[in-house]
C-alpha atoms as a PDB file:
ATOM      1  CA  MET A   1      50.871 -75.101 118.814  1.00  0.00           C
ATOM      2  CA  SER A   2      50.596 -78.883 118.598  1.00  0.00           C
ATOM      3  CA  ALA A   3      47.349 -80.550 117.669  1.00  0.00           C
ATOM      4  CA  ALA A   4      46.146 -84.108 117.372  1.00  0.00           C
ATOM      5  CA  GLY A   5      43.348 -83.375 114.907  1.00  0.00           C
ATOM      6  CA  ARG A   6      43.089 -81.745 111.495  1.00  0.00           C
ATOM      7  CA  HIS A   7      41.800 -78.313 112.519  1.00  0.00           C
ATOM      8  CA  ARG A   8      42.896 -75.418 110.310  1.00  0.00           C
ATOM      9  CA  HIS A   9      42.957 -71.744 111.245  1.00  0.00           C
ATOM     10  CA  ASP A  10      44.140 -68.843 109.099  1.00  0.00           C
ATOM     11  CA  GLY A  11      47.457 -67.466 110.299  1.00  0.00           C
ATOM     12  CA  VAL A  12      48.144 -70.386 112.654  1.00  0.00           C
ATOM     13  CA  ARG A  13      50.779 -72.939 111.813  1.00  0.00           C
ATOM     14  CA  ALA A  14      49.993 -76.134 113.672  1.00  0.00           C
ATOM     15  CA  HIS A  15      52.397 -78.942 114.485  1.00  0.00           C
ATOM     16  CA  ARG A  16      50.636 -82.260 113.988  1.00  0.00           C
ATOM     17  CA  THR A  17      51.351 -85.223 116.227  1.00  0.00           C
ATOM     18  CA  ARG A  18      49.904 -88.650 116.934  1.00  0.00           C
ATOM     19  CA  THR A  19      51.337 -88.787 120.441  1.00  0.00           C
ATOM     20  CA  LEU A  20      49.465 -85.978 122.157  1.00  0.00           C
ATOM     21  CA  ALA A  21      48.155 -87.389 125.426  1.00  0.00           C
ATOM     22  CA  HIS A  22      45.317 -85.784 127.371  1.00  0.00           C
ATOM     23  CA  ARG A  23      47.755 -84.783 130.154  1.00  0.00           C
ATOM     24  CA  ASP A  24      49.834 -82.837 127.573  1.00  0.00           C
ATOM     25  CA  VAL A  25      46.971 -80.393 127.007  1.00  0.00           C
ATOM     26  CA  THR A  26      45.809 -77.489 129.140  1.00  0.00           C
ATOM     27  CA  ARG A  27      43.663 -74.425 128.516  1.00  0.00           C
ATOM     28  CA  HIS A  28      44.783 -70.837 128.217  1.00  0.00           C
ATOM     29  CA  TYR A  29      41.912 -68.318 128.136  1.00  0.00           C
ATOM     30  CA  GLY A  30      39.667 -71.229 127.203  1.00  0.00           C
ATOM     31  CA  ILE A  31      41.811 -72.271 124.242  1.00  0.00           C
ATOM     32  CA  PRO A  32      43.284 -75.788 124.336  1.00  0.00           C
ATOM     33  CA  VAL A  33      47.089 -75.596 124.150  1.00  0.00           C
ATOM     34  CA  THR A  34      49.945 -77.913 124.953  1.00  0.00           C
ATOM     35  CA  THR A  35      51.439 -77.739 128.432  1.00  0.00           C
ATOM     36  CA  PRO A  36      54.710 -75.830 128.778  1.00  0.00           C
ATOM     37  CA  ALA A  37      56.645 -79.107 129.189  1.00  0.00           C
ATOM     38  CA  ARG A  38      55.103 -80.592 126.035  1.00  0.00           C
ATOM     39  CA  THR A  39      55.655 -77.361 124.120  1.00  0.00           C
ATOM     40  CA  LEU A  40      59.353 -77.459 125.037  1.00  0.00           C
ATOM     41  CA  LEU A  41      59.565 -81.090 123.943  1.00  0.00           C
ATOM     42  CA  ASP A  42      58.181 -80.080 120.539  1.00  0.00           C
ATOM     43  CA  LEU A  43      60.468 -77.033 120.341  1.00  0.00           C
ATOM     44  CA  ALA A  44      63.528 -79.142 121.145  1.00  0.00           C
ATOM     45  CA  ASP A  45      63.091 -80.758 117.728  1.00  0.00           C
ATOM     46  CA  VAL A  46      63.454 -77.441 115.877  1.00  0.00           C
ATOM     47  CA  LEU A  47      65.372 -74.885 117.987  1.00  0.00           C
ATOM     48  CA  ASP A  48      69.138 -74.520 118.110  1.00  0.00           C
ATOM     49  CA  ASP A  49      70.932 -74.903 121.464  1.00  0.00           C
ATOM     50  CA  ALA A  50      70.928 -71.193 122.332  1.00  0.00           C
ATOM     51  CA  ALA A  51      67.242 -70.691 121.517  1.00  0.00           C
ATOM     52  CA  LEU A  52      66.268 -73.857 123.417  1.00  0.00           C
ATOM     53  CA  ALA A  53      68.192 -72.720 126.519  1.00  0.00           C
ATOM     54  CA  ARG A  54      66.418 -69.366 126.421  1.00  0.00           C
ATOM     55  CA  ALA A  55      63.000 -71.005 125.935  1.00  0.00           C
ATOM     56  CA  VAL A  56      63.495 -73.307 128.942  1.00  0.00           C
ATOM     57  CA  ASN A  57      64.920 -70.598 131.194  1.00  0.00           C
ATOM     58  CA  ASP A  58      62.358 -67.972 130.202  1.00  0.00           C
ATOM     59  CA  ALA A  59      59.555 -70.448 130.941  1.00  0.00           C
ATOM     60  CA  ARG A  60      61.079 -71.068 134.370  1.00  0.00           C
ATOM     61  CA  LEU A  61      61.586 -67.351 135.075  1.00  0.00           C
ATOM     62  CA  GLU A  62      57.967 -66.623 134.189  1.00  0.00           C
ATOM     63  CA  ALA A  63      56.826 -69.486 136.487  1.00  0.00           C
ATOM     64  CA  GLN A  64      55.289 -71.301 133.522  1.00  0.00           C
ATOM     65  CA  LEU A  65      57.462 -74.409 133.900  1.00  0.00           C
ATOM     66  CA  LYS A  66      58.379 -76.592 136.843  1.00  0.00           C
ATOM     67  CA  LEU A  67      61.347 -78.907 136.363  1.00  0.00           C
ATOM     68  CA  ASP A  68      59.471 -81.885 137.818  1.00  0.00           C
ATOM     69  CA  HIS A  69      56.826 -81.445 135.081  1.00  0.00           C
ATOM     70  CA  LEU A  70      59.556 -81.382 132.435  1.00  0.00           C
ATOM     71  CA  ALA A  71      61.160 -84.490 134.011  1.00  0.00           C
ATOM     72  CA  ALA A  72      57.809 -86.317 133.876  1.00  0.00           C
ATOM     73  CA  GLN A  73      57.362 -85.288 130.231  1.00  0.00           C
ATOM     74  CA  LEU A  74      60.806 -86.663 129.372  1.00  0.00           C
ATOM     75  CA  THR A  75      60.033 -89.939 131.152  1.00  0.00           C
ATOM     76  CA  ARG A  76      56.935 -90.296 128.957  1.00  0.00           C
ATOM     77  CA  SER A  77      58.998 -89.571 125.814  1.00  0.00           C
ATOM     78  CA  PRO A  78      62.000 -91.925 125.920  1.00  0.00           C
ATOM     79  CA  GLY A  79      64.405 -92.299 123.026  1.00  0.00           C
ATOM     80  CA  ARG A  80      63.606 -88.996 121.335  1.00  0.00           C
ATOM     81  CA  ARG A  81      66.326 -86.591 120.274  1.00  0.00           C
ATOM     82  CA  ALA A  82      64.292 -83.840 121.935  1.00  0.00           C
ATOM     83  CA  THR A  83      64.338 -85.770 125.215  1.00  0.00           C
ATOM     84  CA  ARG A  84      68.138 -86.065 125.084  1.00  0.00           C
ATOM     85  CA  ARG A  85      68.453 -82.320 124.412  1.00  0.00           C
ATOM     86  CA  LEU A  86      66.182 -81.374 127.337  1.00  0.00           C
ATOM     87  CA  ARG A  87      67.563 -83.848 129.901  1.00  0.00           C
ATOM     88  CA  PRO A  88      70.509 -81.583 130.967  1.00  0.00           C
ATOM     89  CA  PHE A  89      68.048 -78.892 132.064  1.00  0.00           C
ATOM     90  CA  VAL A  90      66.528 -81.368 134.508  1.00  0.00           C
ATOM     91  CA  GLU A  91      69.819 -82.937 135.618  1.00  0.00           C
ATOM     92  CA  ASN A  92      71.589 -79.581 136.187  1.00  0.00           C
ATOM     93  CA  ALA A  93      68.779 -78.099 138.228  1.00  0.00           C
ATOM     94  CA  ASP A  94      70.403 -74.678 138.589  1.00  0.00           C
ATOM     95  CA  ALA A  95      68.457 -71.520 139.101  1.00  0.00           C
ATOM     96  CA  PRO A  96      67.293 -70.379 135.670  1.00  0.00           C
ATOM     97  CA  THR A  97      69.619 -68.177 133.661  1.00  0.00           C
ATOM     98  CA  ARG A  98      68.458 -64.632 132.996  1.00  0.00           C
ATOM     99  CA  SER A  99      70.199 -63.845 129.701  1.00  0.00           C
ATOM    100  CA  THR A 100      71.732 -65.154 126.510  1.00  0.00           C
ATOM    101  CA  PHE A 101      75.128 -64.201 127.975  1.00  0.00           C
ATOM    102  CA  GLU A 102      74.551 -66.531 130.942  1.00  0.00           C
ATOM    103  CA  ASP A 103      73.489 -69.346 128.583  1.00  0.00           C
ATOM    104  CA  ALA A 104      76.586 -68.801 126.449  1.00  0.00           C
ATOM    105  CA  PHE A 105      78.809 -68.729 129.541  1.00  0.00           C
ATOM    106  CA  LEU A 106      77.530 -72.133 130.707  1.00  0.00           C
ATOM    107  CA  ALA A 107      78.204 -73.579 127.240  1.00  0.00           C
ATOM    108  CA  PHE A 108      81.688 -71.992 127.406  1.00  0.00           C
ATOM    109  CA  THR A 109      82.461 -73.695 130.753  1.00  0.00           C
ATOM    110  CA  GLU A 110      81.469 -77.024 129.254  1.00  0.00           C
ATOM    111  CA  ARG A 111      83.514 -76.459 126.082  1.00  0.00           C
ATOM    112  CA  TYR A 112      86.666 -75.578 128.043  1.00  0.00           C
ATOM    113  CA  GLY A 113      86.278 -78.206 130.773  1.00  0.00           C
ATOM    114  CA  ILE A 114      85.675 -75.640 133.509  1.00  0.00           C
ATOM    115  CA  PRO A 115      83.668 -76.933 136.488  1.00  0.00           C
ATOM    116  CA  ARG A 116      80.027 -75.909 136.193  1.00  0.00           C
ATOM    117  CA  PRO A 117      79.198 -72.950 138.437  1.00  0.00           C
ATOM    118  CA  GLU A 118      76.055 -72.375 140.425  1.00  0.00           C
ATOM    119  CA  VAL A 119      73.845 -69.853 138.629  1.00  0.00           C
ATOM    120  CA  ASN A 120      72.172 -66.762 140.108  1.00  0.00           C
ATOM    121  CA  GLN A 121      72.836 -67.606 143.743  1.00  0.00           C
ATOM    122  CA  GLN A 122      72.872 -65.414 146.858  1.00  0.00           C
ATOM    123  CA  VAL A 123      76.224 -64.510 148.438  1.00  0.00           C
ATOM    124  CA  ASP A 124      76.352 -62.088 151.366  1.00  0.00           C
ATOM    125  CA  GLY A 125      73.007 -60.538 150.394  1.00  0.00           C
ATOM    126  CA  TYR A 126      73.775 -60.195 146.663  1.00  0.00           C
ATOM    127  CA  GLU A 127      72.597 -62.323 143.769  1.00  0.00           C
ATOM    128  CA  VAL A 128      75.662 -63.209 141.713  1.00  0.00           C
ATOM    129  CA  ASP A 129      75.679 -64.439 138.119  1.00  0.00           C
ATOM    130  CA  MET A 130      78.094 -67.367 138.456  1.00  0.00           C
ATOM    131  CA  LEU A 131      79.414 -68.867 141.682  1.00  0.00           C
ATOM    132  CA  TRP A 132      82.040 -71.444 142.532  1.00  0.00           C
ATOM    133  CA  ARG A 133      81.206 -71.717 146.214  1.00  0.00           C
ATOM    134  CA  GLU A 134      84.000 -74.090 147.216  1.00  0.00           C
ATOM    135  CA  GLN A 135      86.648 -71.988 145.459  1.00  0.00           C
ATOM    136  CA  HIS A 136      85.125 -68.727 146.761  1.00  0.00           C
ATOM    137  CA  LEU A 137      84.962 -67.156 143.307  1.00  0.00           C
ATOM    138  CA  VAL A 138      82.252 -65.085 141.630  1.00  0.00           C
ATOM    139  CA  VAL A 139      82.015 -64.198 137.935  1.00  0.00           C
ATOM    140  CA  GLU A 140      79.794 -61.298 136.966  1.00  0.00           C
ATOM    141  CA  LEU A 141      78.776 -61.097 133.304  1.00  0.00           C
ATOM    142  CA  ASP A 142      78.643 -57.426 132.419  1.00  0.00           C
ATOM    143  CA  SER A 143      76.812 -55.859 129.513  1.00  0.00           C
ATOM    144  CA  ARG A 144      76.448 -52.172 128.768  1.00  0.00           C
ATOM    145  CA  THR A 145      72.689 -52.582 129.013  1.00  0.00           C
ATOM    146  CA  TYR A 146      72.825 -52.959 132.802  1.00  0.00           C
ATOM    147  CA  HIS A 147      76.249 -51.648 133.814  1.00  0.00           C
ATOM    148  CA  ASP A 148      76.845 -48.473 131.767  1.00  0.00           C
ATOM    149  CA  THR A 149      75.326 -45.770 133.954  1.00  0.00           C
ATOM    150  CA  PRO A 150      77.106 -43.811 136.689  1.00  0.00           C
ATOM    151  CA  GLY A 151      74.824 -45.379 139.313  1.00  0.00           C
ATOM    152  CA  ALA A 152      75.468 -48.925 138.080  1.00  0.00           C
ATOM    153  CA  PHE A 153      79.206 -48.226 137.960  1.00  0.00           C
ATOM    154  CA  GLU A 154      79.205 -47.177 141.628  1.00  0.00           C
ATOM    155  CA  ASP A 155      76.887 -50.017 142.674  1.00  0.00           C
ATOM    156  CA  ASP A 156      79.140 -52.580 140.994  1.00  0.00           C
ATOM    157  CA  ARG A 157      82.233 -51.279 142.852  1.00  0.00           C
ATOM    158  CA  ARG A 158      80.436 -51.314 146.210  1.00  0.00           C
ATOM    159  CA  ARG A 159      79.139 -54.809 145.534  1.00  0.00           C
ATOM    160  CA  ASP A 160      82.606 -56.071 144.524  1.00  0.00           C
ATOM    161  CA  ALA A 161      84.135 -54.610 147.705  1.00  0.00           C
ATOM    162  CA  ASP A 162      81.423 -56.191 149.892  1.00  0.00           C
ATOM    163  CA  LEU A 163      81.877 -59.583 148.229  1.00  0.00           C
ATOM    164  CA  LEU A 164      85.658 -59.362 148.549  1.00  0.00           C
ATOM    165  CA  ALA A 165      85.269 -58.571 152.257  1.00  0.00           C
ATOM    166  CA  ALA A 166      83.077 -61.684 152.527  1.00  0.00           C
ATOM    167  CA  GLY A 167      85.873 -63.757 150.948  1.00  0.00           C
ATOM    168  CA  PHE A 168      84.472 -63.929 147.405  1.00  0.00           C
ATOM    169  CA  PRO A 169      86.601 -62.050 144.853  1.00  0.00           C
ATOM    170  CA  VAL A 170      84.741 -61.057 141.692  1.00  0.00           C
ATOM    171  CA  MET A 171      85.952 -61.500 138.127  1.00  0.00           C
ATOM    172  CA  ARG A 172      83.991 -59.279 135.755  1.00  0.00           C
ATOM    173  CA  LEU A 173      83.667 -60.460 132.171  1.00  0.00           C
ATOM    174  CA  THR A 174      82.302 -58.378 129.307  1.00  0.00           C
ATOM    175  CA  TRP A 175      80.576 -59.765 126.234  1.00  0.00           C
ATOM    176  CA  ARG A 176      83.298 -58.284 123.997  1.00  0.00           C
ATOM    177  CA  ARG A 177      86.129 -59.998 125.921  1.00  0.00           C
ATOM    178  CA  PHE A 178      84.120 -63.198 126.063  1.00  0.00           C
ATOM    179  CA  LEU A 179      83.678 -63.266 122.272  1.00  0.00           C
ATOM    180  CA  SER A 180      87.090 -61.960 121.239  1.00  0.00           C
ATOM    181  CA  ARG A 181      89.349 -64.118 123.407  1.00  0.00           C
ATOM    182  CA  PRO A 182      87.514 -67.126 124.803  1.00  0.00           C
ATOM    183  CA  ALA A 183      90.620 -69.317 125.202  1.00  0.00           C
ATOM    184  CA  GLY A 184      92.380 -66.547 127.147  1.00  0.00           C
ATOM    185  CA  GLU A 185      89.371 -66.014 129.395  1.00  0.00           C
ATOM    186  CA  ALA A 186      89.107 -69.773 129.962  1.00  0.00           C
ATOM    187  CA  ALA A 187      92.784 -69.928 130.963  1.00  0.00           C
ATOM    188  CA  ARG A 188      92.344 -66.994 133.360  1.00  0.00           C
ATOM    189  CA  LEU A 189      89.278 -68.577 134.945  1.00  0.00           C
ATOM    190  CA  GLN A 190      91.006 -71.965 135.294  1.00  0.00           C
ATOM    191  CA  ALA A 191      93.942 -70.236 137.041  1.00  0.00           C
ATOM    192  CA  LEU A 192      91.578 -68.466 139.456  1.00  0.00           C
ATOM    193  CA  LEU A 193      89.753 -71.699 140.230  1.00  0.00           C
ATOM    194  CA  THR A 194      92.951 -73.622 140.994  1.00  0.00           C
ATOM    195  CA  ARG A 195      94.766 -70.966 143.070  1.00  0.00           C
END
């Protein structure tokens, strides 16, 4: 929580600021709190890249944050390191990511110079994790959490066949492969994107 005054409450660690404008405050169950955009601006000063990506995307998934509100907050806060860290979320107005794996994959594409995919888009009636529409390529990021049951196994094969029939081959990538051989996976993906 950020506060402009000197209020103290047991068990609550407050972030003090002199730049808390009236428009940066809202009420939640009658309690004054900072708006989601202002909260993210404050968090961008203390969170690492992965945690910040999750905070922004979770706020969007839960319909707590609109990107135009975040853009307005950044306009009111020029020159801050936090503003620079949050600007890519506004400029790359993808659909929000749904997992740490998706966040890590986007960082991976940037690190290896792979064109940025569209995130969580619809193709032939299916929502796909990563999409290169022009190249007609889909990458699905598979974890055992969601893909390790007999039903999920069958659903994934049906989905892959339907997407292939629609002209969108699917490359499936597991977390283990992603972590153990990133350069090899980057080379494979680059080859698929340039075929």
